[in-house]
Protein backbone atom coordinates (compact mmCIF):
# COMPACT_ATOMS: atom_id res chain seq x y z
CA MET A 1 -34.79 -2.60 -39.27
CA TYR A 2 -36.39 0.96 -39.25
CA GLY A 3 -38.74 2.88 -41.20
CA GLN A 4 -41.73 1.63 -43.28
CA ASP A 5 -39.48 0.60 -46.12
CA GLU A 6 -35.91 -0.93 -45.46
CA TRP A 7 -36.26 -1.82 -41.71
CA LEU A 8 -39.27 -3.89 -41.21
CA SER A 9 -42.15 -5.57 -43.02
CA PRO A 10 -45.48 -4.41 -41.70
CA ALA A 11 -47.25 -7.07 -39.32
CA ARG A 12 -50.84 -7.04 -38.30
CA VAL A 13 -51.55 -7.02 -34.52
CA GLN A 14 -54.25 -8.07 -32.06
CA LYS A 15 -55.09 -6.59 -28.59
CA PRO A 16 -52.69 -7.89 -25.84
CA ALA A 17 -53.46 -9.94 -22.93
CA TYR A 18 -53.21 -8.31 -19.63
CA SER A 19 -49.59 -8.60 -17.98
CA PRO A 20 -48.79 -6.84 -14.74
CA CYS A 21 -45.03 -6.94 -15.26
CA LEU A 22 -44.54 -4.91 -18.30
CA PRO A 23 -42.61 -1.50 -17.84
CA GLY A 24 -44.33 0.13 -20.68
CA PHE A 25 -48.18 -0.35 -20.90
CA LEU A 26 -51.38 0.66 -22.33
CA PHE A 27 -54.60 2.24 -20.94
CA SER A 28 -57.89 3.56 -22.51
CA VAL A 29 -57.77 7.33 -22.43
CA GLY A 30 -59.57 8.24 -25.65
CA TYR A 31 -59.12 9.04 -29.39
CA GLY A 32 -56.75 11.87 -29.95
CA ILE A 33 -54.12 11.27 -27.50
CA MET A 34 -50.78 9.49 -28.38
CA ILE A 35 -50.24 6.86 -25.66
CA VAL A 36 -46.50 6.27 -25.20
CA ALA A 37 -46.00 2.66 -23.58
CA GLY A 38 -42.49 3.10 -21.80
CA GLY A 39 -40.92 5.95 -20.03
CA GLY A 40 -37.12 5.38 -20.97
CA ILE A 41 -35.16 7.82 -23.07
CA ILE A 42 -36.70 6.55 -26.34
CA GLY A 43 -40.27 6.88 -25.19
CA LEU A 44 -39.68 10.22 -23.39
CA SER A 45 -37.62 11.75 -26.62
CA CYS A 46 -40.76 10.71 -28.89
CA ALA A 47 -43.06 12.10 -26.31
CA TRP A 48 -41.25 15.41 -26.23
CA ARG A 49 -41.00 15.74 -30.06
CA LEU A 50 -44.64 14.72 -30.50
CA ALA A 51 -45.83 17.33 -27.94
CA GLN A 52 -43.72 20.04 -29.52
CA ARG A 53 -45.88 19.46 -32.68
CA GLY A 54 -49.23 19.94 -30.81
CA VAL A 55 -49.94 16.26 -30.16
CA PRO A 56 -51.51 15.43 -26.64
CA VAL A 57 -49.29 12.66 -25.22
CA THR A 58 -49.62 10.61 -22.07
CA VAL A 59 -46.49 8.34 -21.17
CA PHE A 60 -47.15 5.01 -19.18
CA ASP A 61 -44.44 3.13 -17.28
CA ALA A 62 -44.94 0.07 -14.93
CA ARG A 63 -42.06 1.55 -12.79
CA GLU A 64 -40.71 5.13 -12.32
CA ILE A 65 -40.03 6.97 -15.35
CA GLY A 66 -36.59 6.17 -16.65
CA ALA A 67 -35.79 3.45 -14.20
CA GLU A 68 -34.85 0.68 -16.60
CA ALA A 69 -32.19 0.50 -19.21
CA SER A 70 -31.94 4.25 -19.43
CA TRP A 71 -30.95 4.64 -15.86
CA ALA A 72 -28.46 1.67 -16.15
CA GLY A 73 -26.61 2.90 -19.23
CA ALA A 74 -23.02 4.27 -19.25
CA GLY A 75 -23.97 6.80 -21.94
CA MET A 76 -21.34 6.27 -24.62
CA LEU A 77 -22.33 7.89 -27.98
CA SER A 78 -19.91 5.67 -30.15
CA PRO A 79 -20.72 4.88 -33.59
CA GLY A 80 -16.85 4.28 -33.92
CA GLY A 81 -17.15 1.42 -31.42
CA GLU A 82 -20.33 -0.10 -32.78
CA ALA A 83 -20.65 0.27 -36.70
CA GLU A 84 -18.59 -1.98 -38.76
CA SER A 85 -19.79 -1.33 -42.33
CA ASP A 86 -22.48 0.50 -44.24
CA SER A 87 -25.97 -0.54 -42.91
CA PRO A 88 -29.29 1.26 -41.81
CA PHE A 89 -28.23 1.01 -38.28
CA SER A 90 -24.70 2.41 -39.04
CA ARG A 91 -26.28 5.34 -40.99
CA MET A 92 -28.79 5.97 -38.24
CA ALA A 93 -25.95 6.02 -35.44
CA VAL A 94 -23.91 8.50 -37.41
CA ALA A 95 -27.04 10.79 -38.05
CA SER A 96 -28.16 10.47 -34.36
CA LEU A 97 -24.59 11.37 -32.98
CA ALA A 98 -24.43 14.41 -35.42
CA GLN A 99 -27.76 15.71 -33.91
CA TYR A 100 -26.71 15.23 -30.20
CA GLY A 101 -25.08 18.44 -29.46
CA ASP A 102 -28.05 20.35 -30.52
CA PHE A 103 -30.39 17.94 -28.93
CA VAL A 104 -28.52 18.39 -25.46
CA GLU A 105 -28.49 22.22 -25.93
CA GLU A 106 -32.16 22.42 -26.84
CA LEU A 107 -33.10 20.10 -23.95
CA GLN A 108 -31.14 22.00 -21.33
CA ASN A 109 -32.87 25.18 -22.38
CA ALA A 110 -36.35 23.44 -22.41
CA SER A 111 -35.86 21.98 -18.98
CA GLY A 112 -33.25 24.15 -17.11
CA ILE A 113 -31.45 21.02 -16.05
CA ALA A 114 -27.67 20.76 -17.01
CA ILE A 115 -26.67 17.58 -18.85
CA ASP A 116 -23.38 16.18 -18.55
CA PHE A 117 -22.32 15.95 -22.08
CA SER A 118 -18.86 15.95 -23.74
CA ARG A 119 -17.29 15.06 -27.13
CA CYS A 120 -14.36 13.67 -25.51
CA GLY A 121 -13.42 11.12 -28.05
CA ALA A 122 -12.49 7.39 -27.40
CA MET A 123 -9.24 5.65 -27.33
CA GLU A 124 -9.51 1.96 -28.54
CA PHE A 125 -7.06 -0.43 -27.77
CA ALA A 126 -6.17 -3.91 -29.42
CA PHE A 127 -4.30 -6.22 -26.98
CA THR A 128 -3.79 -9.15 -29.31
CA ASP A 129 -3.00 -9.58 -33.13
CA GLU A 130 -6.50 -10.85 -33.77
CA GLU A 131 -8.08 -7.80 -32.00
CA ALA A 132 -5.82 -5.56 -34.17
CA LEU A 133 -6.86 -7.18 -37.27
CA ALA A 134 -10.44 -6.85 -36.33
CA LEU A 135 -9.94 -3.19 -35.57
CA ASP A 136 -8.26 -2.61 -38.91
CA ARG A 137 -11.19 -4.15 -40.65
CA ARG A 138 -13.69 -1.99 -38.71
CA VAL A 139 -11.74 0.99 -39.60
CA ALA A 140 -11.77 0.30 -43.24
CA GLY A 141 -15.71 -0.29 -43.32
CA GLN A 142 -16.14 2.95 -41.43
CA THR A 143 -14.41 5.30 -43.68
CA ALA A 144 -17.32 5.54 -46.17
CA LEU A 145 -19.80 6.36 -43.42
CA GLY A 146 -17.67 9.37 -42.37
CA ILE A 147 -16.50 8.00 -39.09
CA CYS A 148 -13.17 9.48 -38.30
CA SER A 149 -10.28 7.80 -36.52
CA GLU A 150 -6.65 8.20 -36.46
CA ALA A 151 -3.76 5.89 -35.43
CA ALA A 152 -2.48 6.77 -31.90
CA GLY A 153 0.21 4.34 -31.57
CA PRO A 154 0.80 0.68 -31.67
CA ARG A 155 -2.51 -1.12 -31.66
CA ARG A 156 -4.61 1.75 -30.73
CA ARG A 157 -6.83 4.22 -32.62
CA PHE A 158 -8.40 7.42 -31.38
CA TYR A 159 -11.99 8.31 -32.42
CA PRO A 160 -12.26 12.06 -31.99
CA ASP A 161 -16.05 12.35 -32.63
CA ASP A 162 -17.13 9.78 -30.12
CA ALA A 163 -19.07 11.48 -27.06
CA LEU A 164 -20.34 10.81 -23.71
CA VAL A 165 -23.59 11.84 -21.94
CA ASP A 166 -25.08 10.99 -18.59
CA PRO A 167 -28.34 9.20 -19.49
CA ARG A 168 -29.83 9.97 -15.96
CA ASP A 169 -29.57 13.66 -16.63
CA VAL A 170 -31.05 13.21 -20.17
CA VAL A 171 -33.98 11.36 -18.64
CA SER A 172 -34.39 13.94 -15.88
CA ALA A 173 -34.37 16.90 -18.41
CA LEU A 174 -36.80 15.02 -20.73
CA ARG A 175 -39.25 14.58 -18.00
CA VAL A 176 -39.26 18.19 -17.20
CA ALA A 177 -39.31 19.29 -20.88
CA CYS A 178 -42.15 16.78 -21.59
CA ALA A 179 -44.32 18.15 -18.62
CA ARG A 180 -43.70 21.77 -19.90
CA GLU A 181 -45.04 20.67 -23.35
CA GLY A 182 -48.23 19.33 -21.76
CA VAL A 183 -47.25 15.41 -21.54
CA THR A 184 -48.77 13.69 -18.66
CA PHE A 185 -47.35 10.81 -16.79
CA ARG A 186 -48.79 7.57 -15.49
CA GLU A 187 -46.31 5.49 -13.20
CA HIS A 188 -46.87 2.26 -11.56
CA GLU A 189 -50.04 1.33 -13.29
CA PRO A 190 -51.16 -2.06 -14.70
CA VAL A 191 -51.46 -2.87 -18.38
CA GLY A 192 -54.83 -2.08 -19.79
CA GLU A 193 -56.25 -2.57 -23.27
CA ILE A 194 -55.53 -0.93 -26.53
CA ALA A 195 -58.78 0.41 -27.81
CA GLY A 196 -59.33 0.38 -31.51
CA ASP A 197 -59.25 4.01 -32.19
CA GLU A 198 -56.26 4.89 -29.84
CA GLU A 199 -52.83 6.09 -31.12
CA VAL A 200 -50.12 4.13 -29.33
CA LEU A 201 -46.36 4.02 -29.55
CA ILE A 202 -44.81 0.92 -28.01
CA ALA A 203 -41.31 1.85 -26.57
CA ALA A 204 -41.11 -0.54 -23.76
CA GLY A 205 -37.61 -1.85 -24.20
CA ALA A 206 -36.97 -5.43 -23.76
CA TRP A 207 -40.67 -5.88 -22.82
CA SER A 208 -41.88 -4.29 -25.98
CA SER A 209 -43.14 -7.44 -28.14
CA ALA A 210 -44.91 -8.80 -25.10
CA LEU A 211 -47.48 -6.04 -25.67
CA LEU A 212 -48.51 -7.63 -28.86
CA PRO A 213 -47.52 -11.30 -28.57
CA ALA A 214 -46.44 -13.00 -31.60
CA LYS A 215 -47.27 -10.26 -33.83
CA LEU A 216 -44.12 -8.27 -33.74
CA PRO A 217 -40.42 -9.06 -33.90
CA HIS A 218 -39.62 -10.80 -30.44
CA SER A 219 -37.81 -8.61 -28.06
CA VAL A 220 -35.39 -10.14 -25.40
CA PRO A 221 -33.51 -8.76 -22.49
CA VAL A 222 -29.67 -8.95 -22.49
CA ARG A 223 -28.31 -8.17 -18.94
CA GLY A 224 -25.18 -6.17 -18.59
CA HIS A 225 -23.25 -5.38 -15.36
CA LEU A 226 -21.34 -2.20 -14.54
CA ILE A 227 -19.14 -0.87 -11.71
CA ALA A 228 -18.33 2.43 -10.56
CA PHE A 229 -15.49 3.95 -8.68
CA ASP A 230 -16.06 7.32 -6.84
CA GLY A 231 -13.40 9.70 -5.21
CA SER A 232 -10.50 7.97 -7.13
CA GLY A 233 -8.83 11.29 -8.01
CA LEU A 234 -8.26 10.01 -11.47
CA ARG A 235 -8.80 12.28 -14.55
CA LEU A 236 -9.44 10.68 -17.96
CA HIS A 237 -9.24 12.78 -21.02
CA HIS A 238 -10.94 10.14 -23.37
CA MET A 239 -13.17 7.24 -23.09
CA LEU A 240 -11.15 3.88 -23.01
CA ARG A 241 -12.25 0.81 -25.08
CA GLN A 242 -10.78 -2.70 -25.52
CA SER A 243 -12.86 -5.46 -26.98
CA HIS A 244 -15.95 -5.78 -24.73
CA THR A 245 -14.36 -3.60 -21.96
CA TYR A 246 -14.85 0.23 -21.57
CA ILE A 247 -14.13 2.95 -19.06
CA VAL A 248 -15.74 6.42 -18.84
CA GLN A 249 -15.81 9.20 -16.45
CA ARG A 250 -18.34 11.62 -15.54
CA ALA A 251 -17.09 15.17 -16.16
CA ARG A 252 -19.04 16.85 -13.39
CA THR A 253 -18.66 14.23 -10.66
CA GLY A 254 -15.47 12.50 -11.73
CA ARG A 255 -17.10 9.15 -11.21
CA ILE A 256 -15.56 6.36 -13.23
CA ILE A 257 -17.65 3.57 -14.81
CA ALA A 258 -16.62 0.41 -16.22
CA GLY A 259 -18.38 -2.27 -18.03
CA SER A 260 -19.59 -4.53 -19.17
CA SER A 261 -21.08 -8.08 -19.68
CA THR A 262 -23.41 -9.65 -21.97
CA GLU A 263 -25.67 -12.28 -20.29
CA HIS A 264 -28.72 -13.96 -21.49
CA VAL A 265 -30.45 -14.71 -18.30
CA GLY A 266 -33.96 -13.31 -18.74
CA PHE A 267 -35.07 -10.66 -16.27
CA ASP A 268 -32.93 -11.76 -13.42
CA ARG A 269 -31.82 -8.49 -11.54
CA ARG A 270 -29.41 -10.32 -9.13
CA ILE A 271 -25.99 -8.90 -8.97
CA ASP A 272 -23.48 -11.52 -10.08
CA ASP A 273 -20.08 -11.14 -7.98
CA ALA A 274 -18.13 -13.21 -10.41
CA ILE A 275 -19.10 -11.01 -13.31
CA THR A 276 -18.40 -7.74 -11.47
CA ARG A 277 -14.97 -9.11 -10.39
CA ASP A 278 -14.33 -9.88 -13.98
CA ILE A 279 -15.26 -6.47 -15.06
CA HIS A 280 -13.00 -4.85 -12.52
CA SER A 281 -10.08 -7.13 -13.71
CA ARG A 282 -10.46 -6.27 -17.31
CA ALA A 283 -10.86 -2.47 -16.63
CA ALA A 284 -7.61 -2.76 -14.48
CA ARG A 285 -5.90 -4.18 -17.33
CA LEU A 286 -7.06 -1.04 -19.49
CA LEU A 287 -6.34 1.29 -16.66
CA PRO A 288 -4.01 -0.09 -14.02
CA ALA A 289 -4.67 2.53 -11.46
CA LEU A 290 -8.19 0.88 -10.93
CA ALA A 291 -6.56 -2.31 -9.63
CA ASP A 292 -6.16 -1.35 -6.22
CA LEU A 293 -9.55 0.58 -5.81
CA THR A 294 -12.76 -0.76 -4.61
CA PRO A 295 -15.90 -0.37 -6.67
CA SER A 296 -18.31 2.01 -4.86
CA GLU A 297 -21.39 0.77 -6.81
CA ARG A 298 -22.30 -2.14 -8.81
CA TRP A 299 -25.56 -2.59 -10.84
CA ASN A 300 -27.06 -4.05 -13.99
CA GLY A 301 -29.65 -3.37 -16.73
CA PHE A 302 -31.51 -5.11 -19.50
CA ARG A 303 -30.49 -4.06 -22.96
CA PRO A 304 -33.48 -4.33 -25.45
CA ALA A 305 -32.39 -6.75 -28.18
CA LEU A 306 -34.32 -8.59 -30.74
CA ALA A 307 -34.19 -12.52 -30.78
CA GLU A 308 -33.56 -12.41 -34.57
CA GLY A 309 -32.13 -9.64 -36.78
CA THR A 310 -31.01 -6.21 -35.91
CA GLY A 311 -33.02 -3.33 -34.72
CA PRO A 312 -34.37 -0.78 -33.94
CA VAL A 313 -38.08 -1.56 -35.09
CA LEU A 314 -39.45 1.64 -35.96
CA GLU A 315 -42.69 1.49 -37.87
CA ARG A 316 -46.48 1.76 -38.00
CA VAL A 317 -48.06 -1.60 -37.67
CA GLU A 318 -50.34 -2.01 -40.81
CA GLY A 319 -54.01 -1.54 -40.43
CA THR A 320 -53.68 -0.04 -36.67
CA ASN A 321 -52.91 3.22 -34.94
CA ILE A 322 -49.96 1.52 -33.45
CA TRP A 323 -46.23 2.66 -33.92
CA THR A 324 -43.12 0.94 -32.51
CA ALA A 325 -39.82 2.05 -31.27
CA TYR A 326 -37.76 -0.57 -29.68
CA GLY A 327 -34.79 -3.23 -30.13
CA HIS A 328 -32.22 -0.49 -29.91
CA TYR A 329 -29.95 -2.99 -27.86
CA ARG A 330 -27.07 -1.16 -26.34
CA ASN A 331 -27.52 2.07 -28.31
CA GLY A 332 -30.80 3.39 -27.12
CA ILE A 333 -28.99 6.44 -25.55
CA LEU A 334 -27.10 7.16 -28.80
CA LEU A 335 -30.10 6.61 -30.98
CA ALA A 336 -32.70 8.67 -29.03
CA PRO A 337 -32.64 11.90 -31.01
CA GLU A 338 -32.87 10.25 -34.59
CA THR A 339 -35.50 7.65 -33.33
CA ALA A 340 -37.61 10.70 -32.11
CA ARG A 341 -37.23 12.43 -35.31
CA ILE A 342 -38.25 9.44 -37.39
CA ILE A 343 -41.14 8.65 -35.38
CA THR A 344 -42.57 12.05 -35.19
CA ALA A 345 -42.08 12.35 -39.02
CA MET A 346 -43.89 9.03 -39.55
CA PHE A 347 -46.67 9.97 -37.27
CA MET A 348 -47.34 13.41 -38.46
CA HIS A 349 -47.23 12.30 -42.08
CA ASP A 350 -49.65 9.45 -41.41
CA ARG A 351 -52.09 11.75 -39.27
CA GLU A 352 -52.07 14.21 -42.03
CA ILE A 353 -53.10 11.52 -44.59
CA MET A 354 -55.75 10.09 -42.30
CA GLU A 355 -57.21 13.69 -41.58
CA LYS A 356 -57.53 14.26 -45.47
CA SER A 357 -59.11 10.96 -46.11
């Protein structure tokens, strides 16, 4: 669901009630300023692109900037592991990956911060006949999308275009780049009220629909655990994937990250020991050298999913100055460049129409 046509039918909205626990939120700052509710990679990417076009932007977040899903993510940029057939999401994923190298280069130049990014490719394994058949079906559906892969042995395929980025680097760079474009930040503040004339972008991840209860597609958190191994001395040439297990390595530090899990437990931040042990066991099956290592860190995050349908939800809410950019689920890092392009194009087009009317 994205764009004003094929991704989402417009909905009418009302002012939200006060809620002190939302990570993205709104505050009356006056007409002419774009308020971005949510300081993750989606909100910051949109803020940066809008500010480059001369739009005054203020970014609000109930925590520190980039402290939620963007901080937790592994950073896989892998349409090959996500897209199964032609769809709006699949086309958006392919388009966003194509932009990523230029996006990172521009962001590094704008911020002066190095970003750990590599087009390292991904090796995908099938351990069972069922997994092998599913992988073959996915490959057949990906061909028309231009997603390249090649057989790399029995029950395995290599995706040469899949890439990896450290989302914490991206968020740090976006914050600096935004500030240099005049974007202001408001962290650790309560939710305020959406004034009728304000221009607002809701990009609050799993909390987004709570800003306009019952008026937008319902967003829900899907918790995922990850574990890390530091100082292993191992060197991976590619990302490794098998079913719901993946292993990636940061090029700069050598840190190995393994995941993940899919948990519908609300906003429960507690670390589940059984789940992290299961991830370690699955990762060791994929990379046996991990079996005798002890994870140096364990954490989790909340993927921003939709209760029904497939996101992201990118639109202007009919009859308002409110735009939405949420519901990216486990692909917010991948979809950030294309999301920012779409939102900026929609906003600038609509503002031009309003100014002429």
